[in-house]
Amino acid sequence: MNQLPDLARVFAYLSLLTVGGGMAAFPEMQTLTVDVHRWLTAPQLVHLYSVGQLAPGPNMMMIVPIGDWVGGPLGALVVLIAFFGPTALLTFMIGRWWARLENWPWRKSIQQGLAPVSIGLLLAGSFTLAKSAIFGLETAAIAVGVLLILQQTKVNPAALVLGAAVIGVFSFD
């Protein structure tokens, strides 16, 4: 129970880092949940993120098991509200305000400036995840294979996740 305020603070803060998607918050999530609070190990966080990619709905629902692990069902609820609440409220408020600024001269400049920030945050999250998930030639080959397949075809990424899971079952201990 004493972890609930920490869970709320950490995931409310992470919520505000999700510009460009949940992956943007991944580096800080790893720092806070693995290094600072030691709620998970790096492999556990990668596992949860990978399962979140496969599950239907928002992939960042993978945060709920972290809350459950640390604080039980109440921890799961706290994490869910803390992570999605601030962003939802901020999006609602800015969305209403942004519509009123349609003819504002800086609006286009702000939009063009935020796009590269989103991409940078997404890439930082991807590199952080890769450092924890790619640990040998086999995992590097899987990652490169998936990247090439996604760049060349329109295959459903869930099929690739399942395929990699099958490869993992037969290749890794």
N, C-alpha and C. Protein backbone atom coordinates (compact mmCIF):
# COMPACT_ATOMS: atom_id res chain seq x y z
N MET A 1 0.81 -1.20 0.00
CA MET A 1 0.00 0.00 0.00
C MET A 1 0.85 1.26 0.00
N ASN A 2 2.02 1.22 0.63
CA ASN A 2 2.83 2.43 0.71
C ASN A 2 3.46 2.80 -0.63
N GLN A 3 3.37 1.92 -1.63
CA GLN A 3 3.90 2.19 -2.97
C GLN A 3 2.91 2.96 -3.85
N LEU A 4 1.64 3.05 -3.44
CA LEU A 4 0.62 3.67 -4.29
C LEU A 4 0.92 5.12 -4.63
N PRO A 5 1.33 5.96 -3.68
CA PRO A 5 1.69 7.34 -4.07
C PRO A 5 2.85 7.40 -5.07
N ASP A 6 3.83 6.52 -4.88
CA ASP A 6 4.95 6.48 -5.84
C ASP A 6 4.47 6.04 -7.22
N LEU A 7 3.61 5.03 -7.26
CA LEU A 7 3.05 4.58 -8.54
C LEU A 7 2.31 5.72 -9.23
N ALA A 8 1.50 6.45 -8.48
CA ALA A 8 0.72 7.55 -9.05
C ALA A 8 1.65 8.63 -9.60
N ARG A 9 2.67 9.01 -8.82
CA ARG A 9 3.60 10.06 -9.28
C ARG A 9 4.37 9.63 -10.52
N VAL A 10 4.90 8.43 -10.49
CA VAL A 10 5.72 7.95 -11.62
C VAL A 10 4.89 7.87 -12.89
N PHE A 11 3.71 7.28 -12.81
CA PHE A 11 2.95 7.08 -14.04
C PHE A 11 2.22 8.33 -14.51
N ALA A 12 1.91 9.26 -13.63
CA ALA A 12 1.38 10.56 -14.06
C ALA A 12 2.47 11.33 -14.80
N TYR A 13 3.68 11.27 -14.29
CA TYR A 13 4.81 11.92 -14.95
C TYR A 13 5.06 11.27 -16.32
N LEU A 14 5.08 9.93 -16.38
CA LEU A 14 5.31 9.24 -17.64
C LEU A 14 4.21 9.57 -18.65
N SER A 15 3.01 9.77 -18.16
CA SER A 15 1.89 10.12 -19.04
C SER A 15 2.21 11.36 -19.86
N LEU A 16 2.86 12.31 -19.25
CA LEU A 16 3.15 13.57 -19.92
C LEU A 16 4.32 13.47 -20.91
N LEU A 17 5.01 12.33 -20.91
CA LEU A 17 6.12 12.12 -21.84
C LEU A 17 5.71 11.37 -23.10
N THR A 18 4.44 11.05 -23.23
CA THR A 18 4.01 10.19 -24.33
C THR A 18 3.71 10.96 -25.61
N VAL A 19 4.33 12.11 -25.81
CA VAL A 19 4.21 12.83 -27.07
C VAL A 19 4.78 11.92 -28.15
N GLY A 20 3.98 11.58 -29.14
CA GLY A 20 4.44 10.69 -30.19
C GLY A 20 4.14 9.23 -29.92
N GLY A 21 3.51 8.92 -28.81
CA GLY A 21 3.15 7.54 -28.51
C GLY A 21 3.81 7.03 -27.26
N GLY A 22 3.36 5.88 -26.82
CA GLY A 22 3.85 5.30 -25.58
C GLY A 22 5.33 4.97 -25.59
N MET A 23 5.87 4.64 -26.76
CA MET A 23 7.29 4.31 -26.85
C MET A 23 8.15 5.49 -26.43
N ALA A 24 7.63 6.70 -26.58
CA ALA A 24 8.39 7.89 -26.20
C ALA A 24 8.70 7.89 -24.71
N ALA A 25 7.85 7.29 -23.91
CA ALA A 25 8.05 7.26 -22.46
C ALA A 25 8.89 6.07 -22.01
N PHE A 26 9.20 5.15 -22.92
CA PHE A 26 9.86 3.91 -22.52
C PHE A 26 11.21 4.13 -21.84
N PRO A 27 12.10 4.99 -22.35
CA PRO A 27 13.40 5.15 -21.65
C PRO A 27 13.23 5.60 -20.20
N GLU A 28 12.36 6.58 -19.99
CA GLU A 28 12.15 7.07 -18.62
C GLU A 28 11.42 6.02 -17.78
N MET A 29 10.51 5.26 -18.42
CA MET A 29 9.82 4.19 -17.69
C MET A 29 10.83 3.16 -17.22
N GLN A 30 11.78 2.82 -18.07
CA GLN A 30 12.80 1.86 -17.66
C GLN A 30 13.64 2.42 -16.52
N THR A 31 14.03 3.67 -16.64
CA THR A 31 14.83 4.29 -15.58
C THR A 31 14.08 4.26 -14.24
N LEU A 32 12.82 4.67 -14.26
CA LEU A 32 12.06 4.78 -13.01
C LEU A 32 11.63 3.43 -12.45
N THR A 33 11.13 2.53 -13.30
CA THR A 33 10.60 1.26 -12.78
C THR A 33 11.68 0.23 -12.52
N VAL A 34 12.79 0.32 -13.27
CA VAL A 34 13.85 -0.68 -13.10
C VAL A 34 14.98 -0.14 -12.23
N ASP A 35 15.51 1.02 -12.57
CA ASP A 35 16.71 1.52 -11.89
C ASP A 35 16.41 2.24 -10.58
N VAL A 36 15.38 3.10 -10.57
CA VAL A 36 15.11 3.90 -9.38
C VAL A 36 14.30 3.12 -8.35
N HIS A 37 13.12 2.65 -8.73
CA HIS A 37 12.24 1.99 -7.76
C HIS A 37 12.45 0.47 -7.67
N ARG A 38 13.09 -0.10 -8.66
CA ARG A 38 13.37 -1.55 -8.68
C ARG A 38 12.09 -2.39 -8.56
N TRP A 39 11.03 -1.93 -9.22
CA TRP A 39 9.78 -2.68 -9.24
C TRP A 39 9.87 -3.87 -10.19
N LEU A 40 10.71 -3.73 -11.24
CA LEU A 40 10.87 -4.76 -12.25
C LEU A 40 12.34 -4.87 -12.62
N THR A 41 12.66 -5.93 -13.33
CA THR A 41 13.97 -6.02 -13.97
C THR A 41 13.80 -5.56 -15.43
N ALA A 42 14.89 -5.25 -16.09
CA ALA A 42 14.82 -4.82 -17.49
C ALA A 42 14.18 -5.90 -18.37
N PRO A 43 14.54 -7.18 -18.22
CA PRO A 43 13.87 -8.21 -19.04
C PRO A 43 12.35 -8.31 -18.76
N GLN A 44 11.95 -8.12 -17.51
CA GLN A 44 10.52 -8.14 -17.20
C GLN A 44 9.79 -6.99 -17.91
N LEU A 45 10.38 -5.80 -17.91
CA LEU A 45 9.77 -4.67 -18.58
C LEU A 45 9.68 -4.90 -20.08
N VAL A 46 10.72 -5.44 -20.68
CA VAL A 46 10.70 -5.75 -22.11
C VAL A 46 9.61 -6.79 -22.39
N HIS A 47 9.50 -7.79 -21.53
CA HIS A 47 8.46 -8.81 -21.69
C HIS A 47 7.07 -8.18 -21.66
N LEU A 48 6.82 -7.32 -20.68
CA LEU A 48 5.52 -6.67 -20.58
C LEU A 48 5.24 -5.79 -21.80
N TYR A 49 6.24 -5.08 -22.25
CA TYR A 49 6.05 -4.23 -23.43
C TYR A 49 5.76 -5.08 -24.66
N SER A 50 6.46 -6.19 -24.81
CA SER A 50 6.24 -7.07 -25.96
C SER A 50 4.84 -7.66 -25.95
N VAL A 51 4.39 -8.10 -24.81
CA VAL A 51 3.03 -8.63 -24.70
C VAL A 51 2.01 -7.52 -24.99
N GLY A 52 2.30 -6.30 -24.53
CA GLY A 52 1.42 -5.17 -24.80
C GLY A 52 1.29 -4.87 -26.29
N GLN A 53 2.35 -5.15 -27.05
CA GLN A 53 2.30 -4.94 -28.50
C GLN A 53 1.36 -5.94 -29.16
N LEU A 54 1.25 -7.11 -28.60
CA LEU A 54 0.42 -8.16 -29.18
C LEU A 54 -1.03 -8.05 -28.77
N ALA A 55 -1.28 -7.56 -27.57
CA ALA A 55 -2.65 -7.50 -27.03
C ALA A 55 -3.48 -6.46 -27.78
N PRO A 56 -4.77 -6.71 -27.91
CA PRO A 56 -5.62 -5.71 -28.56
C PRO A 56 -5.75 -4.46 -27.68
N GLY A 57 -6.05 -3.35 -28.32
CA GLY A 57 -6.20 -2.09 -27.58
C GLY A 57 -4.89 -1.35 -27.51
N PRO A 58 -4.86 -0.30 -26.71
CA PRO A 58 -3.63 0.49 -26.61
C PRO A 58 -2.48 -0.34 -26.06
N ASN A 59 -1.32 -0.28 -26.73
CA ASN A 59 -0.19 -1.10 -26.28
C ASN A 59 0.32 -0.69 -24.92
N MET A 60 0.03 0.53 -24.49
CA MET A 60 0.52 0.96 -23.19
C MET A 60 -0.33 0.43 -22.04
N MET A 61 -1.31 -0.40 -22.33
CA MET A 61 -2.03 -1.07 -21.25
C MET A 61 -1.09 -2.01 -20.50
N MET A 62 0.11 -2.20 -21.06
CA MET A 62 1.11 -3.05 -20.39
C MET A 62 1.54 -2.47 -19.05
N ILE A 63 1.16 -1.23 -18.77
CA ILE A 63 1.50 -0.62 -17.50
C ILE A 63 0.68 -1.20 -16.35
N VAL A 64 -0.51 -1.69 -16.66
CA VAL A 64 -1.41 -2.21 -15.62
C VAL A 64 -0.78 -3.36 -14.84
N PRO A 65 -0.14 -4.33 -15.51
CA PRO A 65 0.53 -5.39 -14.72
C PRO A 65 1.63 -4.87 -13.80
N ILE A 66 2.26 -3.76 -14.18
CA ILE A 66 3.29 -3.18 -13.29
C ILE A 66 2.63 -2.73 -12.00
N GLY A 67 1.51 -2.01 -12.13
CA GLY A 67 0.78 -1.57 -10.94
C GLY A 67 0.30 -2.74 -10.11
N ASP A 68 -0.17 -3.79 -10.78
CA ASP A 68 -0.65 -4.98 -10.07
C ASP A 68 0.51 -5.67 -9.34
N TRP A 69 1.64 -5.75 -9.99
CA TRP A 69 2.82 -6.39 -9.40
C TRP A 69 3.25 -5.66 -8.13
N VAL A 70 3.21 -4.33 -8.19
CA VAL A 70 3.71 -3.52 -7.08
C VAL A 70 2.66 -3.33 -5.99
N GLY A 71 1.40 -3.08 -6.39
CA GLY A 71 0.38 -2.72 -5.40
C GLY A 71 -0.92 -3.50 -5.48
N GLY A 72 -0.90 -4.65 -6.16
CA GLY A 72 -2.12 -5.45 -6.27
C GLY A 72 -3.15 -4.78 -7.17
N PRO A 73 -4.40 -5.22 -7.09
CA PRO A 73 -5.45 -4.64 -7.94
C PRO A 73 -5.60 -3.13 -7.78
N LEU A 74 -5.44 -2.63 -6.57
CA LEU A 74 -5.53 -1.19 -6.36
C LEU A 74 -4.35 -0.48 -7.04
N GLY A 75 -3.19 -1.07 -7.01
CA GLY A 75 -2.03 -0.51 -7.71
C GLY A 75 -2.26 -0.47 -9.21
N ALA A 76 -2.89 -1.51 -9.74
CA ALA A 76 -3.21 -1.54 -11.17
C ALA A 76 -4.15 -0.40 -11.53
N LEU A 77 -5.14 -0.17 -10.70
CA LEU A 77 -6.10 0.91 -10.95
C LEU A 77 -5.42 2.28 -10.83
N VAL A 78 -4.58 2.46 -9.84
CA VAL A 78 -3.86 3.72 -9.67
C VAL A 78 -2.99 4.01 -10.89
N VAL A 79 -2.26 3.01 -11.36
CA VAL A 79 -1.39 3.19 -12.52
C VAL A 79 -2.22 3.52 -13.76
N LEU A 80 -3.32 2.84 -13.94
CA LEU A 80 -4.19 3.08 -15.10
C LEU A 80 -4.69 4.52 -15.12
N ILE A 81 -5.20 4.99 -14.01
CA ILE A 81 -5.73 6.36 -13.93
C ILE A 81 -4.60 7.38 -14.03
N ALA A 82 -3.49 7.11 -13.35
CA ALA A 82 -2.37 8.06 -13.36
C ALA A 82 -1.75 8.19 -14.75
N PHE A 83 -1.71 7.10 -15.50
CA PHE A 83 -1.06 7.14 -16.81
C PHE A 83 -1.97 7.73 -17.89
N PHE A 84 -3.22 7.35 -17.90
CA PHE A 84 -4.10 7.82 -18.97
C PHE A 84 -4.87 9.08 -18.61
N GLY A 85 -5.07 9.37 -17.34
CA GLY A 85 -5.85 10.54 -16.93
C GLY A 85 -5.24 11.87 -17.31
N PRO A 86 -4.00 12.16 -16.92
CA PRO A 86 -3.41 13.47 -17.25
C PRO A 86 -3.34 13.73 -18.76
N THR A 87 -2.95 12.72 -19.53
CA THR A 87 -2.85 12.90 -20.97
C THR A 87 -4.22 13.14 -21.58
N ALA A 88 -5.23 12.40 -21.13
CA ALA A 88 -6.58 12.59 -21.66
C ALA A 88 -7.08 14.00 -21.36
N LEU A 89 -6.88 14.43 -20.14
CA LEU A 89 -7.33 15.76 -19.75
C LEU A 89 -6.57 16.85 -20.52
N LEU A 90 -5.26 16.71 -20.62
CA LEU A 90 -4.45 17.69 -21.35
C LEU A 90 -4.84 17.73 -22.83
N THR A 91 -5.05 16.58 -23.43
CA THR A 91 -5.44 16.51 -24.83
C THR A 91 -6.79 17.19 -25.04
N PHE A 92 -7.72 16.93 -24.16
CA PHE A 92 -9.03 17.55 -24.26
C PHE A 92 -8.92 19.08 -24.17
N MET A 93 -8.18 19.56 -23.20
CA MET A 93 -8.06 21.01 -23.01
C MET A 93 -7.32 21.68 -24.17
N ILE A 94 -6.21 21.11 -24.60
CA ILE A 94 -5.44 21.69 -25.70
C ILE A 94 -6.23 21.59 -27.00
N GLY A 95 -6.94 20.50 -27.20
CA GLY A 95 -7.75 20.34 -28.41
C GLY A 95 -8.79 21.43 -28.55
N ARG A 96 -9.43 21.76 -27.47
CA ARG A 96 -10.43 22.84 -27.51
C ARG A 96 -9.75 24.19 -27.77
N TRP A 97 -8.65 24.42 -27.11
CA TRP A 97 -7.91 25.67 -27.26
C TRP A 97 -7.31 25.77 -28.66
N TRP A 98 -6.77 24.68 -29.17
CA TRP A 98 -6.09 24.65 -30.47
C TRP A 98 -7.05 24.98 -31.60
N ALA A 99 -8.29 24.52 -31.50
CA ALA A 99 -9.28 24.82 -32.53
C ALA A 99 -9.54 26.33 -32.61
N ARG A 100 -9.47 27.01 -31.50
CA ARG A 100 -9.69 28.46 -31.49
C ARG A 100 -8.52 29.23 -32.12
N LEU A 101 -7.38 28.58 -32.21
CA LEU A 101 -6.19 29.26 -32.73
C LEU A 101 -5.91 28.88 -34.19
N GLU A 102 -6.95 28.55 -34.92
CA GLU A 102 -6.79 28.09 -36.29
C GLU A 102 -6.04 29.10 -37.16
N ASN A 103 -6.26 30.37 -36.97
CA ASN A 103 -5.62 31.40 -37.79
C ASN A 103 -4.39 32.03 -37.13
N TRP A 104 -3.97 31.49 -36.02
CA TRP A 104 -2.80 32.00 -35.31
C TRP A 104 -1.54 31.73 -36.15
N PRO A 105 -0.69 32.71 -36.37
CA PRO A 105 0.46 32.53 -37.26
C PRO A 105 1.49 31.50 -36.76
N TRP A 106 1.58 31.28 -35.47
CA TRP A 106 2.58 30.34 -34.94
C TRP A 106 2.08 28.91 -34.89
N ARG A 107 0.83 28.69 -35.16
CA ARG A 107 0.26 27.34 -35.04
C ARG A 107 1.00 26.34 -35.93
N LYS A 108 1.19 26.67 -37.19
CA LYS A 108 1.88 25.76 -38.12
C LYS A 108 3.32 25.51 -37.67
N SER A 109 3.98 26.55 -37.19
CA SER A 109 5.36 26.40 -36.73
C SER A 109 5.45 25.45 -35.53
N ILE A 110 4.50 25.57 -34.62
CA ILE A 110 4.48 24.67 -33.46
C ILE A 110 4.26 23.23 -33.91
N GLN A 111 3.32 23.04 -34.83
CA GLN A 111 3.06 21.69 -35.32
C GLN A 111 4.30 21.11 -36.00
N GLN A 112 4.97 21.91 -36.81
CA GLN A 112 6.16 21.43 -37.50
C GLN A 112 7.31 21.17 -36.52
N GLY A 113 7.37 21.91 -35.44
CA GLY A 113 8.41 21.68 -34.44
C GLY A 113 8.16 20.46 -33.58
N LEU A 114 6.90 20.14 -33.34
CA LEU A 114 6.58 18.99 -32.50
C LEU A 114 6.80 17.66 -33.22
N ALA A 115 6.66 17.63 -34.53
CA ALA A 115 6.84 16.38 -35.27
C ALA A 115 8.23 15.78 -35.07
N PRO A 116 9.31 16.54 -35.25
CA PRO A 116 10.63 15.96 -35.03
C PRO A 116 10.88 15.56 -33.57
N VAL A 117 10.29 16.30 -32.63
CA VAL A 117 10.43 15.93 -31.22
C VAL A 117 9.79 14.56 -30.99
N SER A 118 8.62 14.37 -31.56
CA SER A 118 7.93 13.08 -31.43
C SER A 118 8.77 11.95 -32.00
N ILE A 119 9.35 12.19 -33.16
CA ILE A 119 10.19 11.16 -33.79
C ILE A 119 11.43 10.89 -32.94
N GLY A 120 12.05 11.93 -32.42
CA GLY A 120 13.22 11.74 -31.56
C GLY A 120 12.89 10.94 -30.31
N LEU A 121 11.77 11.26 -29.68
CA LEU A 121 11.35 10.52 -28.48
C LEU A 121 11.05 9.06 -28.83
N LEU A 122 10.41 8.83 -29.96
CA LEU A 122 10.10 7.48 -30.40
C LEU A 122 11.38 6.68 -30.66
N LEU A 123 12.34 7.31 -31.32
CA LEU A 123 13.62 6.63 -31.58
C LEU A 123 14.38 6.35 -30.29
N ALA A 124 14.37 7.29 -29.36
CA ALA A 124 15.03 7.06 -28.07
C ALA A 124 14.42 5.87 -27.35
N GLY A 125 13.09 5.78 -27.38
CA GLY A 125 12.41 4.63 -26.78
C GLY A 125 12.76 3.34 -27.48
N SER A 126 12.82 3.38 -28.80
CA SER A 126 13.16 2.18 -29.56
C SER A 126 14.58 1.70 -29.25
N PHE A 127 15.53 2.64 -29.16
CA PHE A 127 16.91 2.25 -28.84
C PHE A 127 17.02 1.70 -27.42
N THR A 128 16.28 2.28 -26.49
CA THR A 128 16.30 1.78 -25.11
C THR A 128 15.75 0.36 -25.06
N LEU A 129 14.65 0.13 -25.74
CA LEU A 129 14.06 -1.21 -25.79
C LEU A 129 15.02 -2.18 -26.46
N ALA A 130 15.65 -1.75 -27.55
CA ALA A 130 16.57 -2.63 -28.27
C ALA A 130 17.76 -3.04 -27.40
N LYS A 131 18.29 -2.10 -26.61
CA LYS A 131 19.43 -2.43 -25.75
C LYS A 131 19.09 -3.53 -24.75
N SER A 132 17.83 -3.59 -24.33
CA SER A 132 17.42 -4.62 -23.37
C SER A 132 16.98 -5.91 -24.05
N ALA A 133 16.48 -5.81 -25.27
CA ALA A 133 15.87 -6.97 -25.93
C ALA A 133 16.83 -7.70 -26.87
N ILE A 134 17.80 -7.00 -27.43
CA ILE A 134 18.74 -7.63 -28.36
C ILE A 134 20.01 -7.96 -27.59
N PHE A 135 20.23 -9.25 -27.41
CA PHE A 135 21.35 -9.67 -26.57
C PHE A 135 22.23 -10.71 -27.24
N GLY A 136 22.10 -10.90 -28.52
CA GLY A 136 22.93 -11.85 -29.23
C GLY A 136 22.63 -11.81 -30.71
N LEU A 137 23.34 -12.64 -31.45
CA LEU A 137 23.17 -12.69 -32.90
C LEU A 137 21.75 -13.12 -33.29
N GLU A 138 21.20 -14.08 -32.57
CA GLU A 138 19.86 -14.58 -32.90
C GLU A 138 18.80 -13.49 -32.74
N THR A 139 18.84 -12.78 -31.62
CA THR A 139 17.84 -11.73 -31.40
C THR A 139 18.05 -10.56 -32.35
N ALA A 140 19.30 -10.26 -32.69
CA ALA A 140 19.58 -9.21 -33.67
C ALA A 140 19.02 -9.61 -35.03
N ALA A 141 19.18 -10.88 -35.40
CA ALA A 141 18.65 -11.35 -36.69
C ALA A 141 17.12 -11.26 -36.72
N ILE A 142 16.48 -11.59 -35.63
CA ILE A 142 15.02 -11.47 -35.57
C ILE A 142 14.61 -10.01 -35.74
N ALA A 143 15.28 -9.11 -35.04
CA ALA A 143 14.94 -7.69 -35.12
C ALA A 143 15.14 -7.15 -36.53
N VAL A 144 16.26 -7.47 -37.16
CA VAL A 144 16.52 -7.01 -38.52
C VAL A 144 15.51 -7.63 -39.49
N GLY A 145 15.22 -8.91 -39.30
CA GLY A 145 14.24 -9.58 -40.16
C GLY A 145 12.87 -8.93 -40.08
N VAL A 146 12.42 -8.64 -38.88
CA VAL A 146 11.12 -7.99 -38.70
C VAL A 146 11.13 -6.61 -39.34
N LEU A 147 12.19 -5.85 -39.13
CA LEU A 147 12.30 -4.52 -39.73
C LEU A 147 12.20 -4.60 -41.25
N LEU A 148 12.95 -5.51 -41.85
CA LEU A 148 12.93 -5.63 -43.31
C LEU A 148 11.57 -6.08 -43.83
N ILE A 149 10.95 -7.03 -43.15
CA ILE A 149 9.62 -7.49 -43.56
C ILE A 149 8.61 -6.34 -43.49
N LEU A 150 8.65 -5.58 -42.42
CA LEU A 150 7.70 -4.47 -42.27
C LEU A 150 7.97 -3.36 -43.29
N GLN A 151 9.22 -3.17 -43.67
CA GLN A 151 9.54 -2.15 -44.66
C GLN A 151 9.14 -2.56 -46.08
N GLN A 152 9.11 -3.86 -46.34
CA GLN A 152 8.87 -4.35 -47.70
C GLN A 152 7.44 -4.84 -47.95
N THR A 153 6.70 -5.14 -46.87
CA THR A 153 5.36 -5.73 -47.04
C THR A 153 4.36 -5.02 -46.14
N LYS A 154 3.12 -5.44 -46.27
CA LYS A 154 2.07 -4.90 -45.40
C LYS A 154 1.55 -5.99 -44.46
N VAL A 155 2.44 -6.85 -44.00
CA VAL A 155 2.06 -7.93 -43.11
C VAL A 155 1.64 -7.35 -41.76
N ASN A 156 0.68 -8.01 -41.13
CA ASN A 156 0.21 -7.59 -39.81
C ASN A 156 1.33 -7.80 -38.79
N PRO A 157 1.71 -6.75 -38.06
CA PRO A 157 2.79 -6.89 -37.07
C PRO A 157 2.50 -7.96 -36.01
N ALA A 158 1.24 -8.20 -35.69
CA ALA A 158 0.92 -9.25 -34.71
C ALA A 158 1.39 -10.61 -35.20
N ALA A 159 1.32 -10.84 -36.51
CA ALA A 159 1.82 -12.11 -37.06
C ALA A 159 3.32 -12.23 -36.85
N LEU A 160 4.03 -11.13 -36.97
CA LEU A 160 5.48 -11.16 -36.75
C LEU A 160 5.80 -11.39 -35.28
N VAL A 161 5.02 -10.81 -34.39
CA VAL A 161 5.22 -11.03 -32.95
C VAL A 161 5.01 -12.51 -32.64
N LEU A 162 3.95 -13.08 -33.17
CA LEU A 162 3.69 -14.52 -32.94
C LEU A 162 4.79 -15.37 -33.55
N GLY A 163 5.23 -15.01 -34.76
CA GLY A 163 6.31 -15.76 -35.40
C GLY A 163 7.59 -15.71 -34.59
N ALA A 164 7.91 -14.53 -34.08
CA ALA A 164 9.11 -14.40 -33.25
C ALA A 164 8.97 -15.20 -31.95
N ALA A 165 7.75 -15.25 -31.42
CA ALA A 165 7.53 -16.05 -30.20
C ALA A 165 7.77 -17.53 -30.48
N VAL A 166 7.31 -18.00 -31.62
CA VAL A 166 7.53 -19.41 -32.00
C VAL A 166 9.02 -19.68 -32.17
N ILE A 167 9.71 -18.76 -32.84
CA ILE A 167 11.16 -18.91 -33.00
C ILE A 167 11.82 -18.95 -31.62
N GLY A 168 11.37 -18.08 -30.73
CA GLY A 168 11.94 -18.04 -29.39
C GLY A 168 11.74 -19.35 -28.63
N VAL A 169 10.57 -19.94 -28.76
CA VAL A 169 10.28 -21.21 -28.07
C VAL A 169 11.27 -22.29 -28.50
N PHE A 170 11.59 -22.31 -29.79
CA PHE A 170 12.47 -23.37 -30.30
C PHE A 170 13.96 -23.02 -30.27
N SER A 171 14.27 -21.74 -30.06
CA SER A 171 15.67 -21.34 -30.16
C SER A 171 16.34 -20.99 -28.83
N PHE A 172 15.55 -20.53 -27.87
CA PHE A 172 16.14 -20.02 -26.63
C PHE A 172 15.69 -20.88 -25.45
N ASP A 173 16.56 -20.97 -24.46
CA ASP A 173 16.23 -21.77 -23.26
C ASP A 173 15.31 -21.03 -22.35
